[in-house]
Amino acid sequence: MNKVTIIGRLTKDPEIRYTTGEKSTAVAKWSIAVDRRFKKEGGQEADFFDCTAFGKTAEHLEKYWHKGMKMALVGRLEQSVWKDKDGKNRSSVGITVEEVEFCEKKGESAPEPKAQDFAPVQEDEGLPFVF
């Protein structure tokens, strides 16, 4: 059985394209960041997975999803194998998504704060805590 269930945040807006031919199909590609439960000191704190969805799911992603939103997804792992320009065999594993679900209420995922949103703190301001 090949079934994956993941909860994480979109690292960018889904990119939507349409296949050519008699029946055009929507194809969405994006990546998702999944926090690790246990973190090694100095190690990576999240894993990043490339995702692909087709048809109605892809159209839904285009309409309602954007960077930073928390998503639950169900799909399957698929391996792609190809030869690079130097003739070396390459492969990657991604998730072909079959279902997506919101994990937050609308407007709950706050945008990342920008550096200009914070005033610099001076040491002599008498903060009630120590870093």
N, C-alpha and C. Protein backbone atom coordinates (compact mmCIF):
# COMPACT_ATOMS: atom_id res chain seq x y z
N MET A 1 0.85 -1.17 0.00
CA MET A 1 0.00 0.00 0.00
C MET A 1 0.90 1.24 0.00
N ASN A 2 0.57 2.22 -0.80
CA ASN A 2 1.34 3.46 -0.93
C ASN A 2 0.41 4.61 -0.59
N LYS A 3 0.42 5.04 0.68
CA LYS A 3 -0.47 6.11 1.13
C LYS A 3 0.28 6.99 2.11
N VAL A 4 0.21 8.31 1.89
CA VAL A 4 0.92 9.29 2.71
C VAL A 4 -0.09 10.30 3.23
N THR A 5 0.01 10.63 4.51
CA THR A 5 -0.79 11.70 5.10
C THR A 5 0.17 12.67 5.77
N ILE A 6 0.08 13.95 5.41
CA ILE A 6 1.02 14.96 5.91
C ILE A 6 0.26 16.22 6.28
N ILE A 7 0.73 16.90 7.32
CA ILE A 7 0.22 18.22 7.68
C ILE A 7 1.41 19.17 7.68
N GLY A 8 1.28 20.27 6.97
CA GLY A 8 2.35 21.25 6.91
C GLY A 8 1.86 22.55 6.29
N ARG A 9 2.80 23.44 5.99
CA ARG A 9 2.48 24.75 5.42
C ARG A 9 3.03 24.87 4.01
N LEU A 10 2.25 25.50 3.14
CA LEU A 10 2.70 25.74 1.78
C LEU A 10 3.87 26.71 1.80
N THR A 11 4.94 26.39 1.07
CA THR A 11 6.11 27.26 1.04
C THR A 11 5.99 28.33 -0.03
N LYS A 12 5.03 28.16 -0.94
CA LYS A 12 4.77 29.15 -1.98
C LYS A 12 3.37 28.90 -2.53
N ASP A 13 2.86 29.85 -3.29
CA ASP A 13 1.56 29.66 -3.93
C ASP A 13 1.66 28.50 -4.92
N PRO A 14 0.61 27.69 -5.03
CA PRO A 14 0.64 26.60 -6.02
C PRO A 14 0.76 27.17 -7.44
N GLU A 15 1.58 26.52 -8.27
CA GLU A 15 1.71 26.90 -9.68
C GLU A 15 0.76 26.01 -10.47
N ILE A 16 -0.11 26.63 -11.27
CA ILE A 16 -1.12 25.89 -12.01
C ILE A 16 -0.81 25.98 -13.51
N ARG A 17 -0.88 24.83 -14.16
CA ARG A 17 -0.74 24.76 -15.62
C ARG A 17 -1.83 23.83 -16.13
N TYR A 18 -2.05 23.88 -17.42
CA TYR A 18 -3.06 23.02 -18.02
C TYR A 18 -2.42 22.18 -19.12
N THR A 19 -2.78 20.91 -19.18
CA THR A 19 -2.26 20.04 -20.22
C THR A 19 -2.87 20.45 -21.56
N THR A 20 -2.18 20.12 -22.63
CA THR A 20 -2.72 20.39 -23.95
C THR A 20 -3.39 19.14 -24.48
N GLY A 21 -4.20 19.30 -25.48
CA GLY A 21 -4.87 18.14 -26.07
C GLY A 21 -6.37 18.31 -26.03
N GLU A 22 -7.04 17.24 -26.37
CA GLU A 22 -8.49 17.27 -26.46
C GLU A 22 -9.16 17.60 -25.12
N LYS A 23 -8.69 16.96 -24.06
CA LYS A 23 -9.24 17.23 -22.72
C LYS A 23 -8.15 17.88 -21.88
N SER A 24 -8.23 19.18 -21.71
CA SER A 24 -7.25 19.91 -20.91
C SER A 24 -7.47 19.61 -19.43
N THR A 25 -6.39 19.31 -18.71
CA THR A 25 -6.46 18.98 -17.29
C THR A 25 -5.58 19.93 -16.50
N ALA A 26 -6.08 20.43 -15.39
CA ALA A 26 -5.29 21.30 -14.51
C ALA A 26 -4.25 20.47 -13.76
N VAL A 27 -3.04 21.03 -13.64
CA VAL A 27 -1.96 20.39 -12.89
C VAL A 27 -1.40 21.44 -11.94
N ALA A 28 -1.41 21.17 -10.65
CA ALA A 28 -0.88 22.10 -9.64
C ALA A 28 0.40 21.51 -9.06
N LYS A 29 1.40 22.38 -8.89
CA LYS A 29 2.66 21.97 -8.26
C LYS A 29 2.97 22.97 -7.16
N TRP A 30 3.42 22.46 -6.01
CA TRP A 30 3.81 23.29 -4.89
C TRP A 30 4.68 22.47 -3.96
N SER A 31 5.19 23.09 -2.93
CA SER A 31 5.93 22.33 -1.92
C SER A 31 5.35 22.64 -0.55
N ILE A 32 5.55 21.70 0.35
CA ILE A 32 4.99 21.83 1.70
C ILE A 32 6.12 21.59 2.71
N ALA A 33 6.14 22.41 3.74
CA ALA A 33 7.12 22.28 4.82
C ALA A 33 6.44 21.59 6.00
N VAL A 34 7.06 20.52 6.47
CA VAL A 34 6.50 19.73 7.57
C VAL A 34 7.48 19.77 8.73
N ASP A 35 7.04 20.31 9.86
CA ASP A 35 7.91 20.38 11.04
C ASP A 35 8.24 18.98 11.53
N ARG A 36 9.47 18.81 11.95
CA ARG A 36 9.88 17.54 12.54
C ARG A 36 9.43 17.50 13.99
N ARG A 37 9.03 16.34 14.44
CA ARG A 37 8.58 16.19 15.82
C ARG A 37 9.74 16.30 16.79
N PHE A 38 10.85 15.65 16.45
CA PHE A 38 12.04 15.71 17.28
C PHE A 38 13.14 16.37 16.46
N LYS A 39 13.79 17.34 17.04
CA LYS A 39 14.79 18.11 16.31
C LYS A 39 16.18 17.83 16.85
N LYS A 40 17.12 17.61 15.95
CA LYS A 40 18.51 17.44 16.35
C LYS A 40 19.12 18.82 16.53
N GLU A 41 20.02 18.93 17.48
CA GLU A 41 20.68 20.20 17.71
C GLU A 41 21.48 20.57 16.47
N GLY A 42 21.23 21.75 15.94
CA GLY A 42 21.93 22.23 14.76
C GLY A 42 21.44 21.61 13.46
N GLY A 43 20.43 20.77 13.53
CA GLY A 43 19.92 20.10 12.33
C GLY A 43 18.71 20.81 11.75
N GLN A 44 18.26 20.30 10.62
CA GLN A 44 17.10 20.84 9.96
C GLN A 44 15.86 20.63 10.83
N GLU A 45 14.99 21.63 10.90
CA GLU A 45 13.81 21.55 11.75
C GLU A 45 12.54 21.22 10.97
N ALA A 46 12.64 21.18 9.65
CA ALA A 46 11.48 20.85 8.81
C ALA A 46 11.95 20.05 7.61
N ASP A 47 11.04 19.28 7.06
CA ASP A 47 11.29 18.58 5.82
C ASP A 47 10.41 19.22 4.75
N PHE A 48 10.90 19.25 3.52
CA PHE A 48 10.19 19.89 2.42
C PHE A 48 9.88 18.85 1.36
N PHE A 49 8.62 18.81 0.94
CA PHE A 49 8.18 17.82 -0.03
C PHE A 49 7.54 18.51 -1.22
N ASP A 50 7.90 18.05 -2.43
CA ASP A 50 7.27 18.54 -3.66
C ASP A 50 5.97 17.79 -3.85
N CYS A 51 4.92 18.54 -4.21
CA CYS A 51 3.59 17.97 -4.35
C CYS A 51 3.01 18.29 -5.73
N THR A 52 2.19 17.38 -6.23
CA THR A 52 1.49 17.57 -7.51
C THR A 52 0.06 17.09 -7.34
N ALA A 53 -0.88 17.87 -7.90
CA ALA A 53 -2.29 17.47 -7.89
C ALA A 53 -2.87 17.71 -9.28
N PHE A 54 -3.92 16.99 -9.62
CA PHE A 54 -4.51 17.06 -10.94
C PHE A 54 -6.01 17.36 -10.84
N GLY A 55 -6.58 17.83 -11.95
CA GLY A 55 -8.03 17.99 -12.10
C GLY A 55 -8.66 18.97 -11.13
N LYS A 56 -9.78 18.54 -10.55
CA LYS A 56 -10.55 19.40 -9.63
C LYS A 56 -9.73 19.81 -8.41
N THR A 57 -8.89 18.90 -7.91
CA THR A 57 -8.04 19.24 -6.76
C THR A 57 -7.10 20.38 -7.12
N ALA A 58 -6.51 20.33 -8.31
CA ALA A 58 -5.61 21.40 -8.76
C ALA A 58 -6.36 22.72 -8.90
N GLU A 59 -7.55 22.69 -9.45
CA GLU A 59 -8.35 23.91 -9.60
C GLU A 59 -8.72 24.48 -8.23
N HIS A 60 -9.03 23.61 -7.28
CA HIS A 60 -9.34 24.04 -5.91
C HIS A 60 -8.12 24.75 -5.29
N LEU A 61 -6.94 24.17 -5.51
CA LEU A 61 -5.72 24.77 -4.98
C LEU A 61 -5.49 26.16 -5.56
N GLU A 62 -5.70 26.31 -6.85
CA GLU A 62 -5.51 27.60 -7.51
C GLU A 62 -6.43 28.66 -6.93
N LYS A 63 -7.63 28.26 -6.61
CA LYS A 63 -8.66 29.21 -6.16
C LYS A 63 -8.54 29.60 -4.68
N TYR A 64 -8.18 28.66 -3.81
CA TYR A 64 -8.29 28.89 -2.37
C TYR A 64 -7.00 28.84 -1.56
N TRP A 65 -5.88 28.41 -2.14
CA TRP A 65 -4.68 28.19 -1.34
C TRP A 65 -3.58 29.17 -1.70
N HIS A 66 -2.79 29.56 -0.68
CA HIS A 66 -1.64 30.42 -0.93
C HIS A 66 -0.54 30.14 0.11
N LYS A 67 0.60 30.70 -0.14
CA LYS A 67 1.78 30.50 0.71
C LYS A 67 1.44 30.74 2.18
N GLY A 68 1.95 29.86 3.05
CA GLY A 68 1.79 30.00 4.49
C GLY A 68 0.60 29.28 5.08
N MET A 69 -0.36 28.88 4.24
CA MET A 69 -1.55 28.20 4.77
C MET A 69 -1.20 26.79 5.24
N LYS A 70 -1.87 26.37 6.32
CA LYS A 70 -1.65 25.03 6.87
C LYS A 70 -2.61 24.06 6.19
N MET A 71 -2.04 22.96 5.70
CA MET A 71 -2.77 22.00 4.89
C MET A 71 -2.56 20.58 5.39
N ALA A 72 -3.63 19.79 5.35
CA ALA A 72 -3.51 18.35 5.52
C ALA A 72 -3.71 17.76 4.13
N LEU A 73 -2.86 16.82 3.77
CA LEU A 73 -3.01 16.20 2.46
C LEU A 73 -2.86 14.70 2.55
N VAL A 74 -3.51 14.03 1.62
CA VAL A 74 -3.42 12.58 1.49
C VAL A 74 -3.05 12.31 0.05
N GLY A 75 -2.08 11.42 -0.14
CA GLY A 75 -1.66 11.08 -1.49
C GLY A 75 -0.79 9.85 -1.49
N ARG A 76 0.04 9.75 -2.53
CA ARG A 76 0.94 8.62 -2.65
C ARG A 76 2.32 9.12 -3.07
N LEU A 77 3.34 8.39 -2.67
CA LEU A 77 4.70 8.71 -3.07
C LEU A 77 4.93 8.19 -4.49
N GLU A 78 5.60 9.01 -5.30
CA GLU A 78 5.95 8.58 -6.65
C GLU A 78 7.39 8.97 -6.93
N GLN A 79 8.12 8.04 -7.53
CA GLN A 79 9.51 8.30 -7.87
C GLN A 79 9.60 8.62 -9.36
N SER A 80 10.34 9.70 -9.67
CA SER A 80 10.64 10.06 -11.05
C SER A 80 12.10 9.73 -11.31
N VAL A 81 12.36 9.13 -12.46
CA VAL A 81 13.73 8.77 -12.84
C VAL A 81 14.00 9.36 -14.22
N TRP A 82 15.19 9.98 -14.39
CA TRP A 82 15.57 10.57 -15.67
C TRP A 82 17.08 10.64 -15.77
N LYS A 83 17.56 10.97 -16.96
CA LYS A 83 18.99 11.19 -17.18
C LYS A 83 19.20 12.69 -17.32
N ASP A 84 20.22 13.21 -16.61
CA ASP A 84 20.52 14.64 -16.70
C ASP A 84 21.30 14.93 -17.99
N LYS A 85 21.67 16.18 -18.18
CA LYS A 85 22.36 16.57 -19.42
C LYS A 85 23.71 15.89 -19.59
N ASP A 86 24.29 15.41 -18.50
CA ASP A 86 25.57 14.70 -18.56
C ASP A 86 25.39 13.18 -18.70
N GLY A 87 24.15 12.72 -18.81
CA GLY A 87 23.88 11.30 -18.97
C GLY A 87 23.82 10.52 -17.67
N LYS A 88 23.88 11.22 -16.54
CA LYS A 88 23.81 10.54 -15.24
C LYS A 88 22.36 10.27 -14.87
N ASN A 89 22.13 9.11 -14.25
CA ASN A 89 20.79 8.78 -13.77
C ASN A 89 20.45 9.63 -12.56
N ARG A 90 19.28 10.21 -12.56
CA ARG A 90 18.78 11.03 -11.45
C ARG A 90 17.41 10.53 -11.05
N SER A 91 17.04 10.80 -9.82
CA SER A 91 15.70 10.44 -9.36
C SER A 91 15.27 11.39 -8.25
N SER A 92 13.98 11.50 -8.10
CA SER A 92 13.42 12.27 -6.99
C SER A 92 12.10 11.62 -6.58
N VAL A 93 11.71 11.87 -5.35
CA VAL A 93 10.46 11.34 -4.84
C VAL A 93 9.57 12.52 -4.47
N GLY A 94 8.34 12.50 -4.94
CA GLY A 94 7.38 13.54 -4.64
C GLY A 94 6.06 12.91 -4.23
N ILE A 95 5.12 13.77 -3.86
CA ILE A 95 3.80 13.31 -3.43
C ILE A 95 2.78 13.67 -4.50
N THR A 96 2.05 12.68 -5.00
CA THR A 96 0.91 12.93 -5.87
C THR A 96 -0.30 13.00 -4.96
N VAL A 97 -0.88 14.18 -4.88
CA VAL A 97 -1.92 14.47 -3.88
C VAL A 97 -3.30 14.11 -4.42
N GLU A 98 -4.06 13.42 -3.59
CA GLU A 98 -5.42 13.03 -3.94
C GLU A 98 -6.46 13.84 -3.18
N GLU A 99 -6.14 14.26 -1.95
CA GLU A 99 -7.08 15.03 -1.13
C GLU A 99 -6.33 16.13 -0.39
N VAL A 100 -6.97 17.29 -0.22
CA VAL A 100 -6.42 18.36 0.61
C VAL A 100 -7.51 18.84 1.56
N GLU A 101 -7.08 19.34 2.71
CA GLU A 101 -8.04 19.83 3.70
C GLU A 101 -7.42 21.01 4.45
N PHE A 102 -8.24 22.02 4.74
CA PHE A 102 -7.79 23.16 5.52
C PHE A 102 -7.54 22.74 6.96
N CYS A 103 -6.49 23.28 7.58
CA CYS A 103 -6.19 22.99 8.98
C CYS A 103 -6.36 24.22 9.86
N GLU A 104 -6.78 25.32 9.28
CA GLU A 104 -7.00 26.56 10.03
C GLU A 104 -8.26 27.23 9.49
N LYS A 105 -8.84 28.08 10.31
CA LYS A 105 -9.96 28.88 9.86
C LYS A 105 -9.45 29.97 8.93
N LYS A 106 -10.33 30.48 8.09
CA LYS A 106 -9.95 31.54 7.16
C LYS A 106 -9.37 32.73 7.92
N GLY A 107 -8.22 33.21 7.46
CA GLY A 107 -7.57 34.36 8.08
C GLY A 107 -6.70 34.04 9.27
N GLU A 108 -6.67 32.77 9.71
CA GLU A 108 -5.88 32.38 10.87
C GLU A 108 -4.38 32.37 10.59
N SER A 109 -3.98 32.02 9.37
CA SER A 109 -2.55 31.95 9.06
C SER A 109 -2.04 33.37 8.83
N ALA A 110 -1.32 33.87 9.79
CA ALA A 110 -0.81 35.23 9.73
C ALA A 110 0.39 35.31 8.79
N PRO A 111 0.53 36.43 8.06
CA PRO A 111 1.69 36.57 7.20
C PRO A 111 2.96 36.70 8.04
N GLU A 112 4.07 36.31 7.45
CA GLU A 112 5.36 36.42 8.13
C GLU A 112 5.65 37.89 8.47
N PRO A 113 6.09 38.20 9.69
CA PRO A 113 6.43 39.58 10.02
C PRO A 113 7.66 40.02 9.25
N LYS A 114 7.68 41.27 8.85
CA LYS A 114 8.82 41.83 8.13
C LYS A 114 9.70 42.58 9.13
N ALA A 115 10.98 42.68 8.83
CA ALA A 115 11.94 43.33 9.73
C ALA A 115 11.51 44.75 10.07
N GLN A 116 10.91 45.47 9.11
CA GLN A 116 10.53 46.85 9.38
C GLN A 116 9.34 46.96 10.33
N ASP A 117 8.66 45.84 10.62
CA ASP A 117 7.53 45.84 11.55
C ASP A 117 7.96 45.93 13.01
N PHE A 118 9.26 45.76 13.27
CA PHE A 118 9.76 45.76 14.63
C PHE A 118 10.72 46.91 14.85
N ALA A 119 10.59 47.57 15.99
CA ALA A 119 11.53 48.63 16.35
C ALA A 119 12.73 48.01 17.04
N PRO A 120 13.93 48.51 16.78
CA PRO A 120 15.10 47.96 17.46
C PRO A 120 15.01 48.18 18.97
N VAL A 121 15.46 47.21 19.73
CA VAL A 121 15.43 47.30 21.18
C VAL A 121 16.83 47.67 21.67
N GLN A 122 16.89 48.67 22.53
CA GLN A 122 18.16 49.08 23.11
C GLN A 122 18.35 48.34 24.43
N GLU A 123 19.60 48.04 24.76
CA GLU A 123 19.88 47.28 25.98
C GLU A 123 19.43 48.01 27.23
N ASP A 124 19.42 49.32 27.21
CA ASP A 124 19.10 50.07 28.42
C ASP A 124 17.60 50.34 28.57
N GLU A 125 16.75 49.67 27.84
CA GLU A 125 15.32 49.90 27.94
C GLU A 125 14.69 49.18 29.12
N GLY A 126 15.46 48.42 29.88
CA GLY A 126 14.96 47.77 31.09
C GLY A 126 13.95 46.68 30.82
N LEU A 127 14.30 45.75 29.97
CA LEU A 127 13.37 44.66 29.68
C LEU A 127 13.21 43.77 30.90
N PRO A 128 12.01 43.26 31.15
CA PRO A 128 11.76 42.44 32.34
C PRO A 128 12.24 40.99 32.22
N PHE A 129 13.00 40.67 31.19
CA PHE A 129 13.49 39.31 31.03
C PHE A 129 14.87 39.34 30.40
N VAL A 130 15.56 38.23 30.51
CA VAL A 130 16.92 38.15 29.99
C VAL A 130 16.95 37.07 28.91
N PHE A 131 17.66 37.32 27.83
CA PHE A 131 17.80 36.32 26.75
C PHE A 131 18.92 35.40 27.05
